N, C-alpha and C. Protein backbone atom coordinates (compact mmCIF):
# COMPACT_ATOMS: atom_id res chain seq x y z
N MET A 1 40.07 89.81 89.87
CA MET A 1 42.18 89.73 90.74
C MET A 1 42.87 90.05 89.00
N GLY A 2 43.68 91.51 89.97
CA GLY A 2 44.88 92.57 88.24
C GLY A 2 46.21 91.85 89.74
N ILE A 3 47.11 91.69 88.58
CA ILE A 3 49.09 91.30 89.64
C ILE A 3 48.83 92.81 89.50
N ASN A 4 49.08 92.85 91.30
CA ASN A 4 49.33 93.85 91.93
C ASN A 4 51.17 94.45 91.63
N TRP A 5 51.55 95.17 90.78
CA TRP A 5 52.57 95.54 89.94
C TRP A 5 53.05 96.81 91.10
N GLU A 6 52.72 97.55 92.00
CA GLU A 6 53.42 98.04 93.30
C GLU A 6 54.34 97.15 94.01
N VAL A 7 53.14 96.17 94.22
CA VAL A 7 53.52 95.25 95.61
C VAL A 7 54.87 94.04 94.08
N ILE A 8 55.42 93.90 93.57
CA ILE A 8 56.16 93.59 92.56
C ILE A 8 57.40 94.58 92.68
N LEU A 9 57.28 95.04 92.40
CA LEU A 9 57.76 97.03 91.94
C LEU A 9 58.88 96.78 93.42
N TRP A 10 58.17 96.89 94.17
CA TRP A 10 58.78 97.10 95.27
C TRP A 10 59.59 95.79 96.41
N THR A 11 58.33 94.53 95.12
CA THR A 11 60.00 93.06 96.33
C THR A 11 61.11 93.19 95.11
N CYS A 12 61.72 94.31 94.12
CA CYS A 12 62.39 94.28 93.59
C CYS A 12 63.55 95.11 94.16
N VAL A 13 62.42 95.90 93.58
CA VAL A 13 63.84 97.54 94.89
C VAL A 13 64.52 96.94 96.00
N THR A 14 63.57 96.54 96.71
CA THR A 14 64.34 95.19 98.59
C THR A 14 65.05 95.15 98.01
N ILE A 15 64.35 94.02 96.90
CA ILE A 15 65.89 92.64 96.67
C ILE A 15 67.29 93.27 96.32
N ALA A 16 67.25 94.49 95.58
CA ALA A 16 68.13 94.97 94.60
C ALA A 16 69.26 95.37 95.56
N VAL A 17 68.14 96.50 96.87
CA VAL A 17 68.85 97.31 97.28
C VAL A 17 70.06 95.96 98.89
N LEU A 18 69.17 94.75 98.79
CA LEU A 18 69.65 93.95 99.21
C LEU A 18 71.43 93.71 99.14
N MET A 19 70.83 93.11 97.77
CA MET A 19 72.22 92.44 96.78
C MET A 19 73.27 93.43 97.13
N GLY A 20 73.08 94.81 96.71
CA GLY A 20 73.98 95.66 96.68
C GLY A 20 74.56 95.64 98.08
N ILE A 21 74.03 95.90 99.35
CA ILE A 21 74.97 96.24 100.46
C ILE A 21 75.41 94.72 100.22
N PHE A 22 75.24 93.73 100.40
CA PHE A 22 76.32 92.42 100.20
C PHE A 22 77.13 93.03 99.48
N GLY A 23 76.44 92.73 98.32
CA GLY A 23 78.12 93.36 97.29
C GLY A 23 78.99 94.54 98.08
N LEU A 24 78.97 95.15 98.83
CA LEU A 24 79.68 96.06 99.01
C LEU A 24 80.15 95.48 100.32
N ILE A 25 79.81 94.76 101.40
CA ILE A 25 80.13 93.62 102.20
C ILE A 25 81.02 93.17 101.84
N LEU A 26 80.58 92.65 101.19
CA LEU A 26 81.80 91.47 100.31
C LEU A 26 83.01 91.65 99.52
N SER A 27 82.57 93.48 99.09
CA SER A 27 84.07 94.28 98.34
C SER A 27 85.31 94.47 99.55
N ILE A 28 84.60 94.48 100.62
CA ILE A 28 85.21 95.30 100.89
C ILE A 28 86.27 94.63 102.75
N ILE A 29 85.42 92.89 102.82
CA ILE A 29 86.29 92.44 103.38
C ILE A 29 87.10 91.98 102.43
N SER A 30 87.11 91.88 101.12
CA SER A 30 87.80 91.63 99.94
C SER A 30 88.93 92.19 100.61
N ALA A 31 88.26 93.87 99.93
CA ALA A 31 89.95 95.00 100.01
C ALA A 31 91.34 94.69 101.39
N VAL A 32 90.03 94.60 102.31
CA VAL A 32 90.68 93.93 103.86
C VAL A 32 92.07 92.76 103.90
N ASN A 33 91.57 92.32 102.91
CA ASN A 33 92.42 90.47 102.76
C ASN A 33 93.34 90.79 101.79
N MET A 34 92.80 91.35 100.89
CA MET A 34 94.44 91.77 99.95
C MET A 34 95.10 92.44 100.35
N ARG A 35 94.87 93.98 101.51
CA ARG A 35 95.82 94.59 102.10
C ARG A 35 96.66 93.94 102.82
N LYS A 36 96.38 92.92 103.43
CA LYS A 36 96.63 92.14 105.16
C LYS A 36 98.35 90.97 103.70
N ARG A 37 97.51 90.99 102.90
CA ARG A 37 98.73 89.07 101.94
C ARG A 37 99.56 90.20 101.45
N ARG A 38 98.98 91.29 100.84
CA ARG A 38 99.95 92.11 100.34
C ARG A 38 101.28 92.95 101.55
N GLN A 39 100.63 93.03 103.03
CA GLN A 39 101.35 93.88 103.67
C GLN A 39 102.83 92.75 104.29
N GLN A 40 101.76 91.27 103.90
CA GLN A 40 102.83 90.33 104.66
C GLN A 40 103.75 89.26 103.45
N ILE A 41 103.18 89.14 102.52
CA ILE A 41 104.47 88.87 101.24
C ILE A 41 106.02 90.10 100.61
N GLY A 42 105.54 92.12 101.27
CA GLY A 42 106.40 92.71 101.45
C GLY A 42 107.12 91.81 102.37
N GLU A 43 106.93 92.91 104.10
CA GLU A 43 107.37 91.32 104.95
C GLU A 43 108.04 89.95 104.62
N LEU A 44 107.29 89.44 104.19
CA LEU A 44 108.38 88.19 103.77
C LEU A 44 110.04 88.67 102.85
N HIS A 45 109.25 89.66 101.76
CA HIS A 45 110.80 89.73 101.02
C HIS A 45 111.88 90.16 101.65
N THR A 46 111.55 90.83 102.28
CA THR A 46 112.43 92.24 102.98
C THR A 46 113.00 91.71 104.26
N ALA A 47 112.50 89.84 104.23
CA ALA A 47 112.91 89.24 105.41
C ALA A 47 113.73 88.62 104.82
N LEU A 48 113.74 88.47 103.41
CA LEU A 48 114.92 87.04 103.04
C LEU A 48 116.87 87.45 102.88
N ALA A 49 116.56 85.81 103.42
CA ALA A 49 118.85 85.73 103.28
C ALA A 49 119.22 85.25 103.20
N VAL A 50 120.21 85.60 102.58
CA VAL A 50 121.01 83.90 102.61
C VAL A 50 120.58 82.52 103.97
N GLY A 51 120.62 81.53 103.35
CA GLY A 51 120.18 80.83 104.59
C GLY A 51 118.95 80.52 104.84
N SER A 52 118.21 80.84 104.07
CA SER A 52 116.24 80.64 104.74
C SER A 52 115.63 79.67 104.03
N LYS A 53 115.54 79.08 104.65
CA LYS A 53 114.55 77.96 103.22
C LYS A 53 113.20 78.57 103.44
N VAL A 54 113.07 78.75 101.72
CA VAL A 54 111.59 79.60 101.61
C VAL A 54 110.99 78.52 100.17
N MET A 55 110.12 78.17 100.00
CA MET A 55 108.89 77.97 99.13
C MET A 55 107.99 78.63 98.03
N PHE A 56 108.44 78.50 96.68
CA PHE A 56 108.16 79.01 96.03
C PHE A 56 106.54 79.13 95.59
N ALA A 57 105.86 79.91 94.91
CA ALA A 57 104.45 79.20 93.83
C ALA A 57 103.70 78.00 94.11
N GLY A 58 105.42 77.03 93.56
CA GLY A 58 104.55 76.10 93.04
C GLY A 58 104.85 75.48 93.89
N GLY A 59 105.26 75.79 94.98
CA GLY A 59 105.02 74.65 95.79
C GLY A 59 106.64 73.74 96.21
N ILE A 60 107.10 74.37 95.19
CA ILE A 60 108.60 73.44 95.57
C ILE A 60 109.66 74.51 96.80
N TYR A 61 110.50 73.26 97.83
CA TYR A 61 112.06 73.65 98.34
C TYR A 61 112.59 74.36 98.51
N GLY A 62 113.90 75.25 99.04
CA GLY A 62 114.54 75.65 99.08
C GLY A 62 115.75 76.21 100.04
N LYS A 63 116.77 76.34 99.59
CA LYS A 63 117.96 77.63 100.82
C LYS A 63 118.10 78.52 99.43
N VAL A 64 117.48 79.76 99.95
CA VAL A 64 118.75 80.47 99.44
C VAL A 64 120.79 80.71 99.75
N VAL A 65 120.57 81.00 98.27
CA VAL A 65 122.81 80.66 98.53
C VAL A 65 122.64 81.86 97.38
N ARG A 66 122.37 82.30 97.64
CA ARG A 66 122.48 84.41 96.27
C ARG A 66 121.69 85.07 96.43
N ILE A 67 121.45 85.92 97.04
CA ILE A 67 120.72 87.62 96.56
C ILE A 67 120.81 88.21 95.25
N GLY A 68 120.71 89.10 94.08
CA GLY A 68 121.57 89.25 92.76
C GLY A 68 121.16 90.22 92.89
N GLN A 69 121.35 90.88 92.66
CA GLN A 69 120.90 93.00 91.90
C GLN A 69 119.33 91.88 91.40
N GLU A 70 119.20 93.91 91.57
CA GLU A 70 117.33 93.52 91.60
C GLU A 70 116.54 92.54 92.61
N GLU A 71 116.32 91.88 91.15
CA GLU A 71 115.10 91.39 91.82
C GLU A 71 115.51 89.16 91.68
N ILE A 72 116.55 88.63 91.08
CA ILE A 72 117.30 87.87 91.42
C ILE A 72 117.74 87.34 92.51
N ILE A 73 117.72 85.44 93.02
CA ILE A 73 117.92 85.30 93.85
C ILE A 73 118.26 83.79 93.81
N GLY A 74 119.15 83.33 93.71
CA GLY A 74 120.02 82.03 93.78
C GLY A 74 119.10 81.01 94.97
N VAL A 75 118.85 79.99 94.85
CA VAL A 75 118.27 78.61 95.67
C VAL A 75 118.76 77.85 94.52
N GLU A 76 119.35 76.99 96.32
CA GLU A 76 120.32 75.15 95.69
C GLU A 76 118.47 75.23 96.18
N ILE A 77 117.95 73.43 95.53
CA ILE A 77 116.41 73.42 95.79
C ILE A 77 117.48 71.40 95.82
N ALA A 78 118.01 71.34 95.68
CA ALA A 78 118.97 70.11 95.76
C ALA A 78 120.12 69.74 95.72
N PRO A 79 121.22 68.99 96.69
CA PRO A 79 122.63 68.94 97.09
C PRO A 79 123.33 69.94 95.37
N LYS A 80 124.05 70.72 94.88
CA LYS A 80 125.29 71.17 93.92
C LYS A 80 123.98 71.55 92.26
N THR A 81 122.75 72.08 92.82
CA THR A 81 121.44 71.99 91.78
C THR A 81 120.52 73.53 92.10
N VAL A 82 121.28 74.52 91.90
CA VAL A 82 120.65 76.47 91.94
C VAL A 82 120.41 76.61 91.16
N ILE A 83 119.42 77.31 90.80
CA ILE A 83 118.76 77.94 90.43
C ILE A 83 118.44 79.60 90.97
N GLU A 84 117.94 80.39 89.40
CA GLU A 84 117.70 81.74 89.86
C GLU A 84 115.52 81.42 89.44
N ILE A 85 116.03 82.32 90.71
CA ILE A 85 114.30 82.67 90.66
C ILE A 85 113.97 84.35 91.02
N SER A 86 112.56 84.58 90.08
CA SER A 86 112.50 85.94 90.87
C SER A 86 112.15 85.98 92.21
N ARG A 87 112.82 86.79 93.40
CA ARG A 87 112.43 87.02 94.72
C ARG A 87 110.67 86.99 95.10
N PHE A 88 110.27 88.00 93.88
CA PHE A 88 108.62 87.51 94.27
C PHE A 88 107.95 86.33 94.25
N ALA A 89 108.46 85.15 93.55
CA ALA A 89 107.91 84.15 92.98
C ALA A 89 108.03 83.13 94.24
N VAL A 90 108.39 84.03 95.29
CA VAL A 90 108.88 82.90 96.67
C VAL A 90 107.09 83.34 97.24
N GLN A 91 106.83 82.19 98.00
CA GLN A 91 105.47 83.20 99.51
C GLN A 91 105.21 82.22 100.09
N GLY A 92 106.35 81.70 100.97
CA GLY A 92 107.32 81.94 102.82
C GLY A 92 108.38 81.21 102.94
N ILE A 93 108.80 81.56 104.22
CA ILE A 93 109.96 81.09 104.47
C ILE A 93 109.47 80.73 105.70
N GLU A 94 110.47 79.59 106.81
CA GLU A 94 110.56 78.56 106.95
C GLU A 94 111.17 78.64 108.70
N LYS A 95 110.74 78.63 109.20
CA LYS A 95 110.74 79.45 110.30
C LYS A 95 112.34 78.08 110.81
């Protein structure tokens, strides 16, 4: 009784095809989620206005007091404490 190489070959081919299909599904789901998140962040940056309460990527909260040229905004994180950050560091706006 010898090793049936044909069965082993077809098993490997089947597993490879299933893994390929699984990888394709995961990459499609990931691309859709990334596109949605990119759109949300774009809308967030256009909705940014003076007086908005924002959250930074690091979890710090503050209030926008100045929107400068290009991508710099002034954010008050404590009374009379204003820092300048990139508008791209803003991850959320409180309602």
